[in-house]
Protein backbone atom coordinates (compact mmCIF):
# COMPACT_ATOMS: atom_id res chain seq x y z
CA UNK A 1 0.00 0.00 0.00
CA UNK A 2 2.79 2.43 0.85
CA UNK A 3 5.04 1.42 -2.08
CA UNK A 4 2.47 1.67 -4.88
CA UNK A 5 3.60 4.20 -7.54
CA UNK A 6 1.40 7.25 -8.10
CA UNK A 7 1.29 9.85 -10.89
CA UNK A 8 4.06 12.39 -10.36
CA UNK A 9 7.82 12.84 -10.40
CA UNK A 10 10.09 9.86 -9.70
CA UNK A 11 11.75 11.46 -6.67
CA UNK A 12 10.82 14.02 -4.03
CA UNK A 13 12.83 16.22 -1.75
CA UNK A 14 12.11 15.01 1.79
CA UNK A 15 10.08 17.33 3.99
CA UNK A 16 10.82 18.10 7.62
CA UNK A 17 7.25 19.18 8.34
CA UNK A 18 5.05 17.45 10.92
CA UNK A 19 1.67 18.86 9.85
CA UNK A 20 1.89 18.53 6.06
CA UNK A 21 -0.87 19.45 3.62
CA UNK A 22 -4.58 20.25 3.78
CA UNK A 23 -5.40 16.90 5.44
CA UNK A 24 -2.51 16.82 7.91
CA UNK A 25 -4.54 15.68 10.94
CA UNK A 26 -6.14 12.92 8.88
CA UNK A 27 -2.69 11.77 7.72
CA UNK A 28 -1.35 11.73 11.28
CA UNK A 29 -4.22 9.59 12.56
CA UNK A 30 -4.02 7.17 9.63
CA UNK A 31 -0.23 6.86 9.92
CA UNK A 32 -0.56 5.99 13.60
CA UNK A 33 -3.34 3.45 12.96
CA UNK A 34 -1.37 1.86 10.09
CA UNK A 35 1.45 0.70 12.37
CA UNK A 36 -0.62 -0.29 15.45
CA UNK A 37 -1.19 -3.90 14.22
CA UNK A 38 2.52 -4.15 13.38
CA UNK A 39 3.63 -3.24 16.90
CA UNK A 40 0.86 -5.33 18.44
CA UNK A 41 1.78 -8.41 16.41
CA UNK A 42 5.50 -8.16 17.15
CA UNK A 43 4.91 -7.84 20.88
CA UNK A 44 2.44 -10.74 21.02
CA UNK A 45 4.93 -12.82 19.00
CA UNK A 46 7.46 -12.42 21.79
CA UNK A 47 9.56 -9.44 20.68
CA UNK A 48 10.89 -7.20 23.45
CA UNK A 49 9.33 -3.76 23.79
CA UNK A 50 12.43 -1.84 22.71
CA UNK A 51 13.18 -4.22 19.87
CA UNK A 52 9.64 -4.01 18.48
CA UNK A 53 9.66 -0.18 18.55
CA UNK A 54 13.11 -0.05 16.88
CA UNK A 55 11.91 -2.42 14.12
CA UNK A 56 8.82 -0.25 13.56
CA UNK A 57 11.03 2.85 13.29
CA UNK A 58 13.45 1.14 10.88
CA UNK A 59 10.55 -0.10 8.75
CA UNK A 60 9.00 3.34 8.33
CA UNK A 61 12.41 4.91 7.60
CA UNK A 62 12.98 2.29 4.90
CA UNK A 63 9.58 3.01 3.37
CA UNK A 64 10.21 6.76 3.37
CA UNK A 65 13.63 6.31 1.72
CA UNK A 66 12.09 4.14 -1.00
CA UNK A 67 9.38 6.74 -1.57
CA UNK A 68 12.04 9.45 -1.86
CA UNK A 69 14.33 7.75 -4.37
CA UNK A 70 12.65 4.78 -6.07
CA UNK A 71 8.81 4.76 -5.91
CA UNK A 72 7.42 7.32 -8.36
CA UNK A 73 4.86 9.86 -7.27
CA UNK A 74 5.20 9.33 -3.50
CA UNK A 75 6.33 11.96 -1.01
CA UNK A 76 7.98 11.46 2.36
CA UNK A 77 8.27 13.56 5.48
CA UNK A 78 9.61 13.55 9.01
CA UNK A 79 6.00 13.55 10.21
CA UNK A 80 5.40 10.14 8.58
CA UNK A 81 8.40 8.63 10.38
CA UNK A 82 7.33 10.01 13.76
CA UNK A 83 3.65 9.03 13.47
CA UNK A 84 4.35 5.53 12.12
CA UNK A 85 6.77 4.92 14.99
CA UNK A 86 4.20 6.20 17.48
CA UNK A 87 1.69 3.76 15.98
CA UNK A 88 4.10 0.87 16.50
CA UNK A 89 4.73 1.96 20.10
CA UNK A 90 0.97 2.20 20.70
CA UNK A 91 0.54 -1.34 19.38
CA UNK A 92 3.23 -2.57 21.79
CA UNK A 93 1.45 -0.86 24.70
CA UNK A 94 -1.88 -2.41 23.70
CA UNK A 95 -0.27 -5.85 23.61
CA UNK A 96 1.06 -5.36 27.15
CA UNK A 97 -2.29 -4.14 28.50
CA UNK A 98 -4.79 -6.26 26.57
CA UNK A 99 -6.12 -7.95 29.72
CA UNK A 100 -7.21 -4.55 31.05
CA UNK A 101 -9.37 -3.95 27.97
CA UNK A 102 -10.63 -7.51 27.37
CA UNK A 103 -10.86 -9.00 30.87
CA UNK A 104 -11.08 -6.09 33.31
CA UNK A 105 -12.00 -6.52 36.95
CA UNK A 106 -15.30 -5.00 38.10
CA UNK A 107 -13.47 -1.90 39.36
CA UNK A 108 -11.48 -1.51 36.15
CA UNK A 109 -14.60 -2.08 34.05
CA UNK A 110 -16.39 0.70 35.95
CA UNK A 111 -13.58 3.14 35.16
CA UNK A 112 -13.53 2.08 31.53
CA UNK A 113 -17.30 2.52 31.35
CA UNK A 114 -17.11 6.10 32.61
CA UNK A 115 -14.15 6.95 30.38
CA UNK A 116 -15.80 5.31 27.38
CA UNK A 117 -19.00 7.29 27.94
CA UNK A 118 -17.09 10.58 27.96
CA UNK A 119 -15.22 9.64 24.77
CA UNK A 120 -18.47 8.50 23.10
CA UNK A 121 -20.19 11.84 23.75
CA UNK A 122 -17.06 13.72 22.66
CA UNK A 123 -16.78 11.83 19.37
CA UNK A 124 -20.43 12.44 18.46
CA UNK A 125 -20.31 16.11 19.44
CA UNK A 126 -17.13 16.56 17.37
CA UNK A 127 -18.86 14.82 14.44
CA UNK A 128 -21.83 17.19 14.60
CA UNK A 129 -19.51 20.21 14.73
CA UNK A 130 -17.25 18.85 11.97
CA UNK A 131 -20.14 18.50 9.50
CA UNK A 132 -21.18 22.15 9.73
CA UNK A 133 -20.34 24.47 6.85
CA UNK A 134 -17.29 26.70 7.27
CA UNK A 135 -17.36 29.90 5.21
CA UNK A 136 -14.33 32.19 5.24
CA UNK A 137 -14.91 35.81 6.36
CA UNK A 138 -13.49 37.04 3.05
CA UNK A 139 -14.43 37.64 -0.56
CA UNK A 140 -15.42 34.50 -2.45
CA UNK A 141 -15.07 33.75 -6.15
CA UNK A 142 -17.29 31.63 -8.36
CA UNK A 143 -16.08 29.98 -11.56
CA UNK A 144 -17.45 27.87 -14.39
CA UNK A 145 -15.31 24.89 -15.37
CA UNK A 146 -12.29 25.98 -13.28
CA UNK A 147 -8.90 24.55 -14.22
CA UNK A 148 -7.42 23.10 -11.02
CA UNK A 149 -4.33 21.08 -10.21
CA UNK A 150 -5.02 17.33 -9.74
CA UNK A 151 -8.45 17.69 -11.43
CA UNK A 152 -9.60 16.87 -14.96
CA UNK A 153 -11.09 19.48 -17.26
CA UNK A 154 -14.86 19.31 -17.80
CA UNK A 155 -15.31 18.41 -21.48
CA UNK A 156 -18.94 19.50 -21.68
CA UNK A 157 -20.44 22.98 -21.76
CA UNK A 158 -22.02 24.99 -18.93
CA UNK A 159 -25.05 26.90 -20.24
CA UNK A 160 -26.15 28.71 -17.09
CA UNK A 161 -25.80 28.41 -13.33
CA UNK A 162 -26.88 29.87 -10.00
CA UNK A 163 -25.81 29.54 -6.38
CA UNK A 164 -28.26 29.89 -3.50
CA UNK A 165 -30.68 31.58 -5.89
CA UNK A 166 -28.10 34.13 -7.08
CA UNK A 167 -27.00 34.22 -10.75
CA UNK A 168 -23.62 32.51 -10.96
CA UNK A 169 -21.35 34.16 -13.53
CA UNK A 170 -17.58 33.70 -13.19
CA UNK A 171 -15.96 36.32 -10.96
CA UNK A 172 -16.05 37.65 -7.41
CA UNK A 173 -19.13 37.50 -5.19
CA UNK A 174 -17.75 40.06 -2.77
CA UNK A 175 -19.04 39.95 0.79
CA UNK A 176 -22.76 40.31 0.09
CA UNK A 177 -24.47 39.64 3.42
CA UNK A 178 -27.64 38.22 1.84
CA UNK A 179 -25.65 35.78 -0.27
CA UNK A 180 -23.54 34.65 2.72
CA UNK A 181 -26.69 34.19 4.81
CA UNK A 182 -28.20 31.95 2.14
CA UNK A 183 -25.00 29.88 1.91
CA UNK A 184 -25.35 28.88 5.59
CA UNK A 185 -29.14 28.58 5.56
CA UNK A 186 -30.94 25.28 6.04
CA UNK A 187 -31.44 24.88 2.30
CA UNK A 188 -28.85 25.95 -0.25
CA UNK A 189 -28.22 24.52 -3.73
CA UNK A 190 -25.64 25.16 -6.42
CA UNK A 191 -27.28 24.53 -9.82
CA UNK A 192 -26.18 24.35 -13.44
CA UNK A 193 -27.51 23.39 -16.85
CA UNK A 194 -24.86 21.60 -18.87
CA UNK A 195 -24.36 19.80 -22.14
CA UNK A 196 -22.45 16.69 -21.03
CA UNK A 197 -19.09 15.62 -22.35
CA UNK A 198 -17.08 12.41 -22.11
CA UNK A 199 -16.50 10.44 -18.88
CA UNK A 200 -13.49 11.55 -16.82
CA UNK A 201 -10.75 9.73 -14.91
CA UNK A 202 -10.72 12.18 -11.99
CA UNK A 203 -13.10 14.85 -10.74
CA UNK A 204 -13.80 17.49 -13.40
CA UNK A 205 -15.19 20.69 -11.80
CA UNK A 206 -18.35 22.14 -13.33
CA UNK A 207 -18.89 24.93 -10.79
CA UNK A 208 -16.66 26.01 -7.95
CA UNK A 209 -16.68 28.63 -5.19
CA UNK A 210 -13.34 29.57 -3.61
CA UNK A 211 -11.89 32.05 -1.16
CA UNK A 212 -8.90 34.35 -1.79
CA UNK A 213 -6.49 31.52 -0.84
CA UNK A 214 -8.09 29.27 -3.50
CA UNK A 215 -9.62 27.09 -0.78
CA UNK A 216 -12.64 25.23 -2.12
CA UNK A 217 -15.97 26.20 -0.52
CA UNK A 218 -18.40 24.35 -2.83
CA UNK A 219 -17.58 22.12 -5.79
CA UNK A 220 -20.02 20.55 -8.24
CA UNK A 221 -18.33 18.26 -10.73
CA UNK A 222 -18.19 15.08 -12.79
CA UNK A 223 -16.21 11.95 -11.88
CA UNK A 224 -16.41 9.20 -14.48
CA UNK A 225 -20.11 9.19 -15.33
CA UNK A 226 -21.14 10.29 -11.85
CA UNK A 227 -22.18 13.69 -10.53
CA UNK A 228 -20.30 14.73 -7.39
CA UNK A 229 -20.74 17.52 -4.85
CA UNK A 230 -18.53 18.56 -1.94
CA UNK A 231 -18.48 21.47 0.47
CA UNK A 232 -16.14 23.07 2.98
CA UNK A 233 -16.88 22.11 6.60
CA UNK A 234 -15.30 22.48 10.01
CA UNK A 235 -13.72 19.07 9.43
CA UNK A 236 -11.81 20.37 6.41
CA UNK A 237 -10.83 23.50 8.32
CA UNK A 238 -9.40 21.18 11.01
CA UNK A 239 -7.23 19.42 8.38
CA UNK A 240 -9.52 16.40 8.10
CA UNK A 241 -11.69 15.39 5.14
CA UNK A 242 -14.73 17.30 3.85
CA UNK A 243 -17.90 15.32 3.00
CA UNK A 244 -18.52 14.36 -0.63
CA UNK A 245 -21.70 12.90 -2.16
CA UNK A 246 -22.11 11.20 -5.53
CA UNK A 247 -24.92 10.18 -7.89
CA UNK A 248 -24.06 7.41 -10.36
CA UNK A 249 -24.70 7.26 -14.13
CA UNK A 250 -25.69 10.88 -14.63
CA UNK A 251 -23.51 11.51 -17.69
CA UNK A 252 -23.52 9.43 -20.91
CA UNK A 253 -20.99 6.76 -21.78
CA UNK A 254 -19.57 9.01 -24.51
CA UNK A 255 -20.03 12.61 -25.58
CA UNK A 256 -23.18 13.03 -27.68
CA UNK A 257 -22.74 13.49 -31.43
CA UNK A 258 -24.43 16.60 -32.77
CA UNK A 259 -25.02 18.46 -29.52
CA UNK A 260 -28.49 19.91 -29.27
CA UNK A 261 -30.53 21.63 -26.59
CA UNK A 262 -32.35 18.39 -25.79
CA UNK A 263 -29.08 16.93 -24.55
CA UNK A 264 -29.08 19.35 -21.63
CA UNK A 265 -28.70 17.89 -18.13
CA UNK A 266 -29.63 19.98 -15.09
CA UNK A 267 -27.40 19.22 -12.12
CA UNK A 268 -27.39 20.49 -8.54
CA UNK A 269 -25.74 19.91 -5.20
CA UNK A 270 -26.08 21.39 -1.75
CA UNK A 271 -27.69 21.06 1.65
CA UNK A 272 -31.44 20.68 2.09
CA UNK A 273 -33.10 20.22 5.50
CA UNK A 274 -29.89 19.03 7.10
CA UNK A 275 -29.02 16.54 4.36
CA UNK A 276 -26.24 16.60 1.79
CA UNK A 277 -27.99 16.45 -1.59
CA UNK A 278 -27.01 15.84 -5.21
CA UNK A 279 -29.59 15.98 -8.03
CA UNK A 280 -29.76 15.44 -11.78
CA UNK A 281 -32.62 15.78 -14.25
CA UNK A 282 -32.92 15.26 -17.99
CA UNK A 283 -35.51 14.05 -20.49
CA UNK A 284 -35.74 10.76 -18.60
CA UNK A 285 -36.72 12.31 -15.27
CA UNK A 286 -35.25 13.45 -11.97
CA UNK A 287 -32.82 11.51 -9.79
CA UNK A 288 -31.57 12.45 -6.35
CA UNK A 289 -29.44 11.17 -3.47
CA UNK A 290 -29.67 12.50 0.08
CA UNK A 291 -27.49 11.69 3.09
CA UNK A 292 -28.44 13.25 6.45
CA UNK A 293 -25.47 15.06 8.05
CA UNK A 294 -26.10 13.15 11.27
CA UNK A 295 -23.73 12.37 14.18
CA UNK A 296 -23.00 8.92 12.72
CA UNK A 297 -20.90 10.30 9.82
CA UNK A 298 -17.78 10.89 11.89
CA UNK A 299 -16.04 7.97 10.18
CA UNK A 300 -16.06 9.85 6.88
CA UNK A 301 -13.48 12.37 8.16
CA UNK A 302 -10.74 9.73 8.01
CA UNK A 303 -11.25 7.95 4.66
CA UNK A 304 -7.83 8.13 2.94
CA UNK A 305 -9.07 7.87 -0.66
CA UNK A 306 -11.62 9.73 -2.80
CA UNK A 307 -14.72 8.20 -1.20
CA UNK A 308 -18.13 9.75 -1.86
CA UNK A 309 -21.35 9.04 0.04
CA UNK A 310 -23.49 6.46 -1.72
CA UNK A 311 -26.15 3.84 -1.06
CA UNK A 312 -23.88 2.02 1.44
CA UNK A 313 -23.37 5.10 3.66
CA UNK A 314 -26.11 4.28 6.23
CA UNK A 315 -24.64 0.79 6.68
CA UNK A 316 -21.16 2.23 7.29
CA UNK A 317 -22.61 4.63 9.86
CA UNK A 318 -24.25 1.71 11.62
CA UNK A 319 -20.93 -0.14 11.77
CA UNK A 320 -19.15 2.97 13.07
CA UNK A 321 -21.60 3.74 15.89
CA UNK A 322 -22.13 0.08 16.75
CA UNK A 323 -18.38 -0.44 16.96
CA UNK A 324 -17.97 2.59 19.23
CA UNK A 325 -20.85 1.60 21.51
CA UNK A 326 -19.96 -2.11 21.76
CA UNK A 327 -16.99 -1.78 24.19
CA UNK A 328 -18.96 0.68 26.34
CA UNK A 329 -21.75 -1.87 26.82
CA UNK A 330 -19.26 -4.71 27.29
CA UNK A 331 -17.40 -2.89 30.07
CA UNK A 332 -20.63 -1.82 31.74
CA UNK A 333 -21.81 -5.45 31.78
CA UNK A 334 -18.63 -6.43 33.64
CA UNK A 335 -18.87 -3.57 36.14
CA UNK A 336 -21.50 -5.37 38.22
CA UNK A 337 -23.54 -2.22 38.94
CA UNK A 338 -26.82 -2.56 37.11
CA UNK A 339 -28.47 0.75 38.04
CA UNK A 340 -25.32 2.78 37.44
CA UNK A 341 -24.54 1.20 34.09
CA UNK A 342 -28.12 1.70 32.89
CA UNK A 343 -27.95 5.40 33.78
CA UNK A 344 -24.52 5.83 32.15
CA UNK A 345 -25.49 4.09 28.91
CA UNK A 346 -28.80 5.94 28.57
CA UNK A 347 -27.13 9.23 29.43
CA UNK A 348 -24.39 8.66 26.83
CA UNK A 349 -26.92 7.86 24.10
CA UNK A 350 -29.11 10.86 24.89
CA UNK A 351 -26.17 13.27 25.11
CA UNK A 352 -24.54 11.95 21.94
CA UNK A 353 -27.50 11.43 19.63
CA UNK A 354 -30.04 13.96 20.95
CA UNK A 355 -28.37 16.73 22.94
CA UNK A 356 -25.30 17.22 20.71
CA UNK A 357 -27.28 18.02 17.53
CA UNK A 358 -29.61 20.32 19.48
CA UNK A 359 -26.88 22.25 21.29
CA UNK A 360 -24.56 22.50 18.27
CA UNK A 361 -27.41 23.21 15.78
CA UNK A 362 -26.70 20.08 13.78
CA UNK A 363 -28.84 17.44 12.11
CA UNK A 364 -30.77 14.98 14.27
CA UNK A 365 -29.62 11.36 14.42
CA UNK A 366 -30.92 9.21 11.56
CA UNK A 367 -32.54 5.79 11.80
CA UNK A 368 -29.24 4.15 10.87
CA UNK A 369 -27.54 5.86 13.84
CA UNK A 370 -30.11 4.50 16.29
CA UNK A 371 -30.04 1.05 14.71
CA UNK A 372 -26.24 0.96 14.89
CA UNK A 373 -26.28 1.84 18.60
CA UNK A 374 -28.89 -0.83 19.29
CA UNK A 375 -26.87 -3.44 17.38
CA UNK A 376 -23.67 -2.49 19.22
CA UNK A 377 -25.46 -2.75 22.57
CA UNK A 378 -26.86 -6.18 21.70
CA UNK A 379 -23.44 -7.49 20.62
CA UNK A 380 -21.77 -6.02 23.71
CA UNK A 381 -24.23 -7.69 26.07
CA UNK A 382 -23.98 -10.96 24.18
CA UNK A 383 -20.17 -11.05 24.28
CA UNK A 384 -20.17 -10.14 27.98
CA UNK A 385 -22.65 -12.97 28.72
CA UNK A 386 -20.56 -15.48 26.77
CA UNK A 387 -17.45 -14.31 28.61
CA UNK A 388 -19.10 -14.80 31.99
CA UNK A 389 -20.23 -18.32 31.07
CA UNK A 390 -16.78 -19.25 29.79
CA UNK A 391 -15.21 -17.85 32.97
CA UNK A 392 -17.61 -19.79 35.16
CA UNK A 393 -16.84 -23.05 33.32
CA UNK A 394 -13.10 -22.42 33.58
CA UNK A 395 -13.34 -21.83 37.32
CA UNK A 396 -15.43 -24.99 37.73
CA UNK A 397 -12.89 -27.06 35.77
CA UNK A 398 -10.03 -25.70 37.86
CA UNK A 399 -11.93 -26.51 41.05
CA UNK A 400 -12.61 -30.08 39.91
CA UNK A 401 -9.05 -30.66 38.79
CA UNK A 402 -7.50 -29.27 41.98
CA UNK A 403 -6.45 -31.75 44.77
CA UNK A 404 -8.99 -30.26 47.18
CA UNK A 405 -11.75 -30.53 44.59
CA UNK A 406 -10.92 -34.16 43.83
CA UNK A 407 -10.99 -35.03 47.50
């Protein structure tokens, strides 16, 4: 995965930066996670702590040197070496403390339950905040078919466009207060009528809104045959990943021959009633995809490739929230305090899925969020029950096999 060539020059000058690029925080988290299984596996295989950490450091240094001098299109930095090594060290620490997480005593489980509840609420509150639009307090520019680095050029033709109900010619929007108010309102769409061109390899911008630093605010474009929309959020401002939504098979397999007005496709993207929306209409009808910007979309901040929300998004949100809630329920089941654990679990769910969207003016939790939490709770209770039965059988076997038990 790290030694796969990418488009670009054959060698790079190494960087000494720690926070590198527009998605620096995302890169740091992913680099740490990448090496956690490596450190964990080495420690469980019997490697000493220091030896395992040194091997992790040597491995990441080797990868970075290969990316610098041999693997085309890859860049390397001091930050990658540091974060990969930290991931290996974290894996070693998890291997040494796995009994605390998997088989805690009742007292340890109670502490883990409280800590897990605080983290749960924090993650969901951060997700609600991260999905909110982030507009710069500066002049913004709108462009048709902008030419951008790392993007394809839209091969069709834009006939007309508007943003939030305002006519959308190329050029500066200024700091019009009415326009800015509409951009952060509950319902805002960027629309265009286009004559489609050929499918693209990468995203080809149709309409874009940018600030004076050329930071993308809204982008409506084509990727392959799909229509794609993305917007600037607090997550992107925090050097994570902005949300992207996609609608498949909007554009034809090939550019139409003899372009006529009837070939026009009307495309749109934006936020409507708290949902990220992408729309397309032509002579065959209207198609639309909506994804609620609910607390369960926190996983999307960390996807390392060009993922766009699709039909599988609710299922991924269920897995994310269920996976986060599972250990909380498991630890609470081992704490031995029924009334306290019931209050903590209910309080965590209410604060995370109900209070956070209300306080932070976000979108309410969707049905997939609630279903994911319920599934995670069921699995957590089931695993805890199986663990208690297995422990009871093990204690009974030890008692029978002991000299006193045999007597």
